[in-house]
């Protein structure tokens, strides 16, 4: 079924939904569970308390994939929300469904809300802009992977916080020699060890500027640089210098319980680590492979943005725009950033966090911002915009797990991932035309 069929372009006029008190209701479907779900509720409640014309109703719809799937189904049934949270790898799918989306920058201009695209961090908004620079969706929870480390364990082992991959191995060995069960692990492995490893070293993931300049792209991440790094990590399984702990955040307990001394995953785990770790911890930049580069380029974001869906009436869109203005304010974004570890999406929110002493009191919490802003992004490090990449990530995960289990070499696994991934790209290309 084509993207255009999934998101029918038939417009319809939806009557303004109202609450018992007469406010125009704005539905916000999201994928934030647990503590972050409570924070989402607080943002909505705080906005609702500022006025009585609109009521934002946040609705948890499951994980990122489930939330996007639910929105697609709801749009076809003409029962969709005004706002849906979609993770970054769903961007190409949303862009291809032009009749289904109301570009955020156009919405803000149409409703008369103050909007300045230059207020946002370039590394964040560039991922979600058209080639002409129009912002398609509102950045919300953006993050990037960092290297988390157990300060107490590293100090006890007489090791150093690593800056290079060679030092990761050395530090991992010292941690294990000092009694730790494992040296290093990571989560969201495609994002961390393929997508960000490539950007960090200014290596292309695919042709057509990683898909930004056209859907007729092909993957190229089955290169010698990525393969050598993954083979080396696989060799670290001997002696438990490396342990694999799952695809998403499954391996978090391996770090917070003191099993592994280092963990590479999203900066947005700050809140969870702070509440769960019984030791002093820190975060630092991703390690550099000095055989590939003399200095790092920049990391790329993960997380999600808020997309506005078409087919609602003017009053609902007016309320939606006012809420997005509130959501992106410096005060709200600084609070969200400090609570969660997600990146502040605007320069003003970053500056406010500095003024409030957050980084002085919590050293290292600006690591993600520094990584993203390290250098002007290149075509290799701007991000990615591949169709069907949700499914492609599953393919990459399967093939990487074959490396960790010893069933395939890195080259064999990456070649298979590229072949299978290119097939998914061609399917998307056909559906989008």
Protein backbone atom coordinates (compact mmCIF):
# COMPACT_ATOMS: atom_id res chain seq x y z
CA UNK A 1 0.00 0.00 0.00
CA UNK A 2 1.44 3.39 -0.98
CA UNK A 3 2.21 6.23 1.38
CA UNK A 4 -0.34 8.32 -0.46
CA UNK A 5 -2.98 5.67 0.11
CA UNK A 6 -2.11 5.36 3.78
CA UNK A 7 -2.51 9.09 4.21
CA UNK A 8 -5.54 9.89 2.05
CA UNK A 9 -5.31 13.39 0.70
CA UNK A 10 -9.06 13.93 0.78
CA UNK A 11 -9.65 17.05 2.81
CA UNK A 12 -12.54 17.30 5.19
CA UNK A 13 -13.86 19.88 7.62
CA UNK A 14 -13.89 18.58 11.17
CA UNK A 15 -16.16 20.29 13.67
CA UNK A 16 -14.31 21.84 16.56
CA UNK A 17 -14.09 19.36 19.41
CA UNK A 18 -15.11 20.91 22.70
CA UNK A 19 -14.74 19.92 26.31
CA UNK A 20 -17.41 20.15 28.93
CA UNK A 21 -16.26 23.70 29.61
CA UNK A 22 -16.45 24.88 26.02
CA UNK A 23 -12.75 24.98 25.20
CA UNK A 24 -11.62 23.88 21.78
CA UNK A 25 -9.89 20.56 22.32
CA UNK A 26 -6.46 19.82 20.83
CA UNK A 27 -5.46 16.16 20.78
CA UNK A 28 -1.74 15.44 21.17
CA UNK A 29 -0.78 11.83 20.52
CA UNK A 30 2.65 10.96 21.87
CA UNK A 31 5.06 8.12 22.63
CA UNK A 32 6.36 9.26 26.00
CA UNK A 33 5.77 6.67 28.72
CA UNK A 34 6.72 6.63 32.39
CA UNK A 35 8.24 9.74 33.93
CA UNK A 36 8.47 11.51 30.59
CA UNK A 37 4.78 10.86 30.04
CA UNK A 38 4.09 12.63 33.33
CA UNK A 39 6.21 15.55 32.15
CA UNK A 40 4.25 15.72 28.89
CA UNK A 41 1.05 15.86 30.94
CA UNK A 42 2.48 18.70 33.00
CA UNK A 43 3.34 20.73 29.88
CA UNK A 44 -0.22 20.35 28.63
CA UNK A 45 -1.76 21.14 32.02
CA UNK A 46 0.42 24.22 32.44
CA UNK A 47 -0.55 25.50 29.00
CA UNK A 48 -4.23 24.87 29.68
CA UNK A 49 -3.94 26.91 32.88
CA UNK A 50 -2.67 29.95 30.97
CA UNK A 51 -5.96 30.45 29.09
CA UNK A 52 -9.49 29.09 28.80
CA UNK A 53 -10.06 28.98 25.03
CA UNK A 54 -8.17 25.76 24.29
CA UNK A 55 -7.55 22.47 26.04
CA UNK A 56 -4.61 20.30 25.00
CA UNK A 57 -5.26 16.62 25.71
CA UNK A 58 -2.13 14.42 25.61
CA UNK A 59 -2.75 10.77 24.75
CA UNK A 60 -0.07 8.08 25.07
CA UNK A 61 -0.26 5.74 22.06
CA UNK A 62 2.65 3.37 22.73
CA UNK A 63 6.21 3.45 21.41
CA UNK A 64 7.29 5.56 18.45
CA UNK A 65 6.37 2.97 15.82
CA UNK A 66 2.99 2.29 17.44
CA UNK A 67 2.20 5.99 17.69
CA UNK A 68 2.94 6.68 14.03
CA UNK A 69 0.98 3.60 12.96
CA UNK A 70 -1.98 4.69 15.08
CA UNK A 71 -1.92 8.17 13.52
CA UNK A 72 -1.89 6.70 9.99
CA UNK A 73 -4.88 4.51 10.78
CA UNK A 74 -6.73 7.39 12.46
CA UNK A 75 -6.13 9.70 9.51
CA UNK A 76 -7.62 7.17 7.11
CA UNK A 77 -10.66 6.95 9.40
CA UNK A 78 -10.82 10.77 9.71
CA UNK A 79 -10.49 10.47 13.47
CA UNK A 80 -6.95 11.76 13.78
CA UNK A 81 -5.42 14.18 16.28
CA UNK A 82 -4.20 17.68 15.54
CA UNK A 83 -0.67 16.84 16.78
CA UNK A 84 1.27 13.58 16.61
CA UNK A 85 4.78 12.87 17.84
CA UNK A 86 6.88 11.10 15.19
CA UNK A 87 10.46 9.92 15.64
CA UNK A 88 13.16 11.26 13.38
CA UNK A 89 13.35 8.22 11.11
CA UNK A 90 9.68 8.70 10.22
CA UNK A 91 10.44 12.07 8.59
CA UNK A 92 10.60 10.78 5.01
CA UNK A 93 7.28 8.97 5.43
CA UNK A 94 5.60 12.11 6.74
CA UNK A 95 7.10 14.26 3.98
CA UNK A 96 5.85 11.88 1.31
CA UNK A 97 2.32 12.23 2.72
CA UNK A 98 2.00 15.87 1.69
CA UNK A 99 -1.78 15.92 1.78
CA UNK A 100 -1.77 14.72 5.37
CA UNK A 101 0.48 17.28 7.00
CA UNK A 102 0.22 20.98 7.73
CA UNK A 103 3.84 22.26 7.76
CA UNK A 104 4.53 23.87 11.10
CA UNK A 105 6.16 27.00 9.73
CA UNK A 106 3.19 27.57 7.42
CA UNK A 107 0.79 26.95 10.32
CA UNK A 108 2.53 29.52 12.51
CA UNK A 109 2.54 32.12 9.73
CA UNK A 110 -1.09 31.42 8.76
CA UNK A 111 -2.29 31.86 12.34
CA UNK A 112 -0.23 34.97 13.05
CA UNK A 113 1.98 33.41 15.71
CA UNK A 114 5.46 34.83 16.15
CA UNK A 115 7.89 32.39 14.59
CA UNK A 116 11.62 32.67 13.92
CA UNK A 117 13.31 29.63 12.45
CA UNK A 118 16.69 31.08 13.38
CA UNK A 119 15.82 30.76 17.07
CA UNK A 120 16.27 26.99 16.90
CA UNK A 121 19.56 25.12 17.14
CA UNK A 122 20.73 24.51 13.54
CA UNK A 123 21.64 20.88 14.21
CA UNK A 124 18.06 20.26 15.32
CA UNK A 125 15.99 22.07 12.69
CA UNK A 126 18.10 21.10 9.67
CA UNK A 127 16.84 17.55 10.04
CA UNK A 128 13.22 18.65 9.59
CA UNK A 129 13.43 21.35 6.92
CA UNK A 130 12.60 21.26 3.24
CA UNK A 131 15.42 22.00 0.78
CA UNK A 132 14.04 25.57 0.73
CA UNK A 133 14.41 25.87 4.50
CA UNK A 134 10.75 25.57 5.56
CA UNK A 135 10.32 23.84 8.92
CA UNK A 136 7.93 20.91 8.55
CA UNK A 137 7.47 19.83 12.16
CA UNK A 138 8.09 21.34 15.58
CA UNK A 139 11.20 20.02 17.33
CA UNK A 140 10.38 18.70 20.78
CA UNK A 141 12.44 15.88 22.22
CA UNK A 142 15.78 15.87 20.44
CA UNK A 143 18.78 13.96 21.75
CA UNK A 144 22.08 12.55 20.63
CA UNK A 145 24.13 9.60 21.89
CA UNK A 146 26.88 10.21 24.42
CA UNK A 147 29.30 8.06 26.37
CA UNK A 148 27.99 7.54 29.90
CA UNK A 149 30.54 6.35 32.46
CA UNK A 150 30.68 5.18 36.06
CA UNK A 151 32.98 7.71 37.72
CA UNK A 152 33.49 5.62 40.85
CA UNK A 153 34.40 2.47 38.93
CA UNK A 154 36.80 4.23 36.57
CA UNK A 155 38.56 5.92 39.47
CA UNK A 156 38.79 2.65 41.42
CA UNK A 157 40.27 0.90 38.38
CA UNK A 158 42.88 3.59 37.84
CA UNK A 159 41.49 4.13 34.35
CA UNK A 160 40.70 7.27 32.39
CA UNK A 161 37.54 8.54 30.75
CA UNK A 162 38.15 7.57 27.12
CA UNK A 163 38.31 9.98 24.21
CA UNK A 164 39.21 7.45 21.52
CA UNK A 165 38.16 3.92 20.66
CA UNK A 166 41.63 2.65 21.60
CA UNK A 167 41.09 4.17 25.05
CA UNK A 168 37.62 2.61 25.29
CA UNK A 169 39.24 -0.79 24.97
CA UNK A 170 41.98 0.03 27.47
CA UNK A 171 39.53 1.41 30.02
CA UNK A 172 37.17 -1.54 29.52
CA UNK A 173 40.05 -3.93 30.24
CA UNK A 174 40.96 -2.10 33.45
CA UNK A 175 37.35 -2.11 34.61
CA UNK A 176 37.01 -5.86 34.07
CA UNK A 177 40.41 -6.53 35.65
CA UNK A 178 39.17 -4.60 38.70
CA UNK A 179 36.13 -6.82 39.07
CA UNK A 180 33.40 -5.35 36.89
CA UNK A 181 31.27 -7.79 34.90
CA UNK A 182 31.68 -5.83 31.68
CA UNK A 183 33.51 -2.85 30.31
CA UNK A 184 31.14 -1.25 27.82
CA UNK A 185 27.74 -1.73 26.25
CA UNK A 186 25.39 0.37 24.13
CA UNK A 187 21.75 0.66 23.11
CA UNK A 188 19.90 1.78 19.95
CA UNK A 189 22.83 0.20 18.14
CA UNK A 190 21.96 1.24 14.58
CA UNK A 191 21.59 4.86 15.69
CA UNK A 192 24.71 4.84 17.85
CA UNK A 193 27.13 2.53 16.05
CA UNK A 194 26.18 2.96 12.39
CA UNK A 195 24.36 6.27 11.95
CA UNK A 196 26.22 8.38 14.51
CA UNK A 197 29.56 6.61 14.13
CA UNK A 198 29.41 7.53 10.46
CA UNK A 199 28.43 11.15 11.05
CA UNK A 200 31.04 11.55 13.81
CA UNK A 201 33.72 10.53 11.30
CA UNK A 202 32.12 12.33 8.31
CA UNK A 203 31.32 9.13 6.46
CA UNK A 204 28.25 8.79 4.22
CA UNK A 205 25.50 6.34 5.13
CA UNK A 206 24.08 6.48 1.62
CA UNK A 207 24.05 8.36 -1.65
CA UNK A 208 22.04 11.52 -2.40
CA UNK A 209 23.36 13.25 0.75
CA UNK A 210 22.01 10.49 2.99
CA UNK A 211 18.66 10.75 1.21
CA UNK A 212 18.16 14.49 1.71
CA UNK A 213 18.42 15.22 -2.02
CA UNK A 214 16.18 12.44 -3.29
CA UNK A 215 14.37 9.21 -2.54
CA UNK A 216 16.40 7.42 -5.27
CA UNK A 217 19.22 6.81 -2.82
CA UNK A 218 21.24 3.72 -1.96
CA UNK A 219 22.97 2.70 1.26
CA UNK A 220 26.77 2.76 1.52
CA UNK A 221 27.30 2.00 5.22
CA UNK A 222 28.82 -1.39 4.32
CA UNK A 223 32.21 0.27 4.08
CA UNK A 224 35.56 -0.79 5.51
CA UNK A 225 35.50 1.87 8.24
CA UNK A 226 32.22 0.77 9.84
CA UNK A 227 33.02 -2.92 9.33
CA UNK A 228 36.41 -2.63 11.04
CA UNK A 229 34.88 -0.87 14.05
CA UNK A 230 32.13 -3.46 14.47
CA UNK A 231 34.56 -6.35 14.07
CA UNK A 232 36.77 -4.82 16.76
CA UNK A 233 33.80 -4.44 19.12
CA UNK A 234 32.85 -8.07 18.47
CA UNK A 235 36.39 -9.11 19.43
CA UNK A 236 35.89 -7.27 22.73
CA UNK A 237 33.22 -9.80 23.68
CA UNK A 238 36.07 -12.06 24.70
CA UNK A 239 36.71 -11.38 28.34
CA UNK A 240 33.49 -9.33 28.58
CA UNK A 241 35.12 -6.08 27.56
CA UNK A 242 31.89 -5.65 25.58
CA UNK A 243 28.44 -7.07 26.26
CA UNK A 244 25.40 -6.64 24.04
CA UNK A 245 22.23 -5.88 25.96
CA UNK A 246 19.44 -5.25 23.46
CA UNK A 247 18.20 -2.96 20.73
CA UNK A 248 16.70 0.08 22.46
CA UNK A 249 17.25 1.02 26.07
CA UNK A 250 17.20 -2.60 27.25
CA UNK A 251 20.80 -2.43 28.41
CA UNK A 252 20.26 0.56 30.73
CA UNK A 253 20.17 -1.65 33.87
CA UNK A 254 23.56 -3.09 32.91
CA UNK A 255 24.93 0.40 33.50
CA UNK A 256 22.81 1.63 36.41
CA UNK A 257 23.23 -1.66 38.34
CA UNK A 258 27.00 -1.39 38.08
CA UNK A 259 27.51 -4.32 35.71
CA UNK A 260 29.11 -2.28 32.89
CA UNK A 261 31.32 0.71 33.56
CA UNK A 262 30.53 2.50 30.28
CA UNK A 263 27.41 2.78 28.18
CA UNK A 264 26.75 4.56 24.90
CA UNK A 265 23.20 5.75 24.38
CA UNK A 266 20.98 8.81 24.28
CA UNK A 267 21.61 11.91 26.35
CA UNK A 268 17.90 11.65 27.19
CA UNK A 269 18.62 8.86 29.67
CA UNK A 270 19.86 11.50 32.10
CA UNK A 271 16.67 11.46 34.18
CA UNK A 272 16.61 7.66 34.39
CA UNK A 273 20.30 7.34 35.27
CA UNK A 274 20.05 10.08 37.88
CA UNK A 275 17.20 8.30 39.62
CA UNK A 276 18.57 4.75 39.28
CA UNK A 277 22.35 4.84 39.58
CA UNK A 278 23.82 4.28 43.01
CA UNK A 279 27.16 5.77 42.02
CA UNK A 280 28.67 8.97 40.66
CA UNK A 281 28.29 9.06 36.89
CA UNK A 282 29.25 11.35 34.06
CA UNK A 283 28.82 11.77 30.33
CA UNK A 284 31.36 12.69 27.70
CA UNK A 285 31.59 12.87 23.93
CA UNK A 286 31.54 9.83 21.71
CA UNK A 287 34.94 8.21 21.19
CA UNK A 288 36.94 8.97 18.07
CA UNK A 289 38.46 6.35 15.80
CA UNK A 290 41.80 8.02 15.15
CA UNK A 291 42.49 5.75 12.18
CA UNK A 292 39.60 7.50 10.40
CA UNK A 293 39.77 11.12 11.50
CA UNK A 294 41.98 13.53 13.41
CA UNK A 295 38.96 15.17 15.05
CA UNK A 296 35.23 14.48 15.24
CA UNK A 297 32.75 16.14 12.88
CA UNK A 298 29.40 16.30 14.73
CA UNK A 299 26.82 13.86 16.01
CA UNK A 300 23.24 13.68 14.74
CA UNK A 301 19.97 13.83 16.58
CA UNK A 302 17.44 11.24 17.55
CA UNK A 303 14.17 11.69 19.34
CA UNK A 304 11.07 13.12 17.74
CA UNK A 305 9.17 16.16 16.53
CA UNK A 306 5.53 17.18 16.62
CA UNK A 307 3.70 17.01 13.28
CA UNK A 308 0.42 18.81 12.66
CA UNK A 309 -2.07 16.81 10.61
CA UNK A 310 -4.42 18.24 8.01
CA UNK A 311 -8.20 18.12 7.99
CA UNK A 312 -9.08 20.22 11.04
CA UNK A 313 -10.76 23.61 11.26
CA UNK A 314 -9.28 27.08 11.69
CA UNK A 315 -10.03 27.42 15.41
CA UNK A 316 -8.34 24.13 16.21
CA UNK A 317 -5.29 25.21 14.23
CA UNK A 318 -5.22 28.54 16.01
CA UNK A 319 -5.10 26.70 19.35
CA UNK A 320 -2.53 24.26 18.03
CA UNK A 321 -0.24 27.12 16.98
CA UNK A 322 -0.60 28.85 20.35
CA UNK A 323 0.33 25.62 22.11
CA UNK A 324 3.40 25.14 19.92
CA UNK A 325 4.48 28.69 20.72
CA UNK A 326 4.16 27.87 24.43
CA UNK A 327 5.92 24.51 24.02
CA UNK A 328 8.94 26.08 22.31
CA UNK A 329 9.31 28.94 24.80
CA UNK A 330 12.66 29.23 26.58
CA UNK A 331 11.15 28.52 29.99
CA UNK A 332 9.36 25.33 28.94
CA UNK A 333 12.25 24.02 26.89
CA UNK A 334 14.82 24.75 29.60
CA UNK A 335 12.68 22.85 32.11
CA UNK A 336 12.16 19.90 29.73
CA UNK A 337 15.89 19.79 28.91
CA UNK A 338 16.97 19.88 32.54
CA UNK A 339 14.48 17.24 33.62
CA UNK A 340 15.10 14.76 30.81
CA UNK A 341 18.49 15.24 29.15
CA UNK A 342 16.90 16.06 25.81
CA UNK A 343 18.59 18.93 24.01
CA UNK A 344 17.08 22.43 24.42
CA UNK A 345 15.71 23.10 20.95
CA UNK A 346 16.36 26.85 20.99
CA UNK A 347 19.38 28.99 21.71
CA UNK A 348 17.28 30.91 24.25
CA UNK A 349 16.53 27.73 26.23
CA UNK A 350 20.23 26.84 26.22
CA UNK A 351 21.20 30.31 27.41
CA UNK A 352 18.53 30.24 30.12
CA UNK A 353 19.83 26.90 31.37
CA UNK A 354 23.30 28.41 31.60
CA UNK A 355 21.97 31.45 33.48
CA UNK A 356 20.18 29.16 35.91
CA UNK A 357 23.49 27.42 36.67
CA UNK A 358 22.31 24.03 35.46
CA UNK A 359 25.56 23.11 33.70
CA UNK A 360 27.71 24.36 36.56
CA UNK A 361 25.73 22.26 39.02
CA UNK A 362 25.51 19.25 36.71
CA UNK A 363 28.80 19.03 34.81
CA UNK A 364 28.62 17.27 31.45
CA UNK A 365 24.92 17.88 30.85
CA UNK A 366 25.78 20.17 27.95
CA UNK A 367 27.75 17.40 26.21
CA UNK A 368 24.96 16.65 23.74
CA UNK A 369 24.66 20.30 22.72
CA UNK A 370 28.42 20.57 22.22
CA UNK A 371 28.49 17.41 20.10
CA UNK A 372 25.67 18.56 17.85
CA UNK A 373 27.20 22.02 17.46
CA UNK A 374 30.82 20.93 17.14
CA UNK A 375 31.09 21.82 13.44
CA UNK A 376 28.86 22.96 10.61
CA UNK A 377 27.12 19.77 9.43
CA UNK A 378 28.30 18.27 6.15
CA UNK A 379 26.15 16.24 3.73
CA UNK A 380 27.43 13.20 5.65
CA UNK A 381 26.63 14.56 9.10
CA UNK A 382 23.40 16.51 8.68
CA UNK A 383 21.34 13.44 9.43
CA UNK A 384 19.43 11.03 7.24
CA UNK A 385 16.18 10.98 5.32
CA UNK A 386 15.65 7.47 4.05
CA UNK A 387 12.25 6.00 3.29
CA UNK A 388 11.10 2.94 5.25
CA UNK A 389 13.95 3.53 7.69
CA UNK A 390 11.91 2.21 10.59
CA UNK A 391 12.02 -1.19 8.89
CA UNK A 392 15.61 -0.67 7.74
CA UNK A 393 16.69 -0.20 11.35
CA UNK A 394 15.14 -3.55 12.19
CA UNK A 395 17.19 -5.09 9.38
CA UNK A 396 20.39 -3.44 10.63
CA UNK A 397 19.66 -4.65 14.16
CA UNK A 398 19.16 -8.22 12.98
CA UNK A 399 22.41 -8.20 11.05
CA UNK A 400 24.37 -6.58 13.89
CA UNK A 401 23.09 -9.23 16.27
CA UNK A 402 24.52 -11.83 13.89
CA UNK A 403 27.91 -10.15 14.40
CA UNK A 404 27.66 -10.26 18.20
CA UNK A 405 26.59 -13.93 18.13
CA UNK A 406 29.56 -14.81 15.92
CA UNK A 407 27.37 -16.00 13.03
CA UNK A 408 28.64 -13.36 10.58
CA UNK A 409 31.62 -11.10 10.11
CA UNK A 410 30.87 -7.39 10.13
CA UNK A 411 31.37 -7.17 6.36
CA UNK A 412 28.97 -10.05 5.73
CA UNK A 413 26.35 -8.57 8.03
CA UNK A 414 26.66 -5.04 6.63
CA UNK A 415 26.52 -6.29 3.03
CA UNK A 416 23.33 -8.16 3.85
CA UNK A 417 21.87 -5.13 5.63
CA UNK A 418 22.60 -2.89 2.64
CA UNK A 419 21.07 -5.37 0.18
CA UNK A 420 17.93 -5.79 2.27
CA UNK A 421 17.80 -2.07 3.04
CA UNK A 422 18.07 -1.05 -0.60
CA UNK A 423 15.10 -3.27 -1.38
CA UNK A 424 13.08 -1.36 1.22
CA UNK A 425 14.26 1.94 -0.27
CA UNK A 426 13.00 0.90 -3.71
CA UNK A 427 9.64 -0.09 -2.26
CA UNK A 428 9.34 3.31 -0.61
CA UNK A 429 10.41 5.10 -3.78
CA UNK A 430 7.69 3.33 -5.75
CA UNK A 431 5.04 4.10 -3.14
CA UNK A 432 5.99 7.79 -2.93
CA UNK A 433 5.73 8.38 -6.70
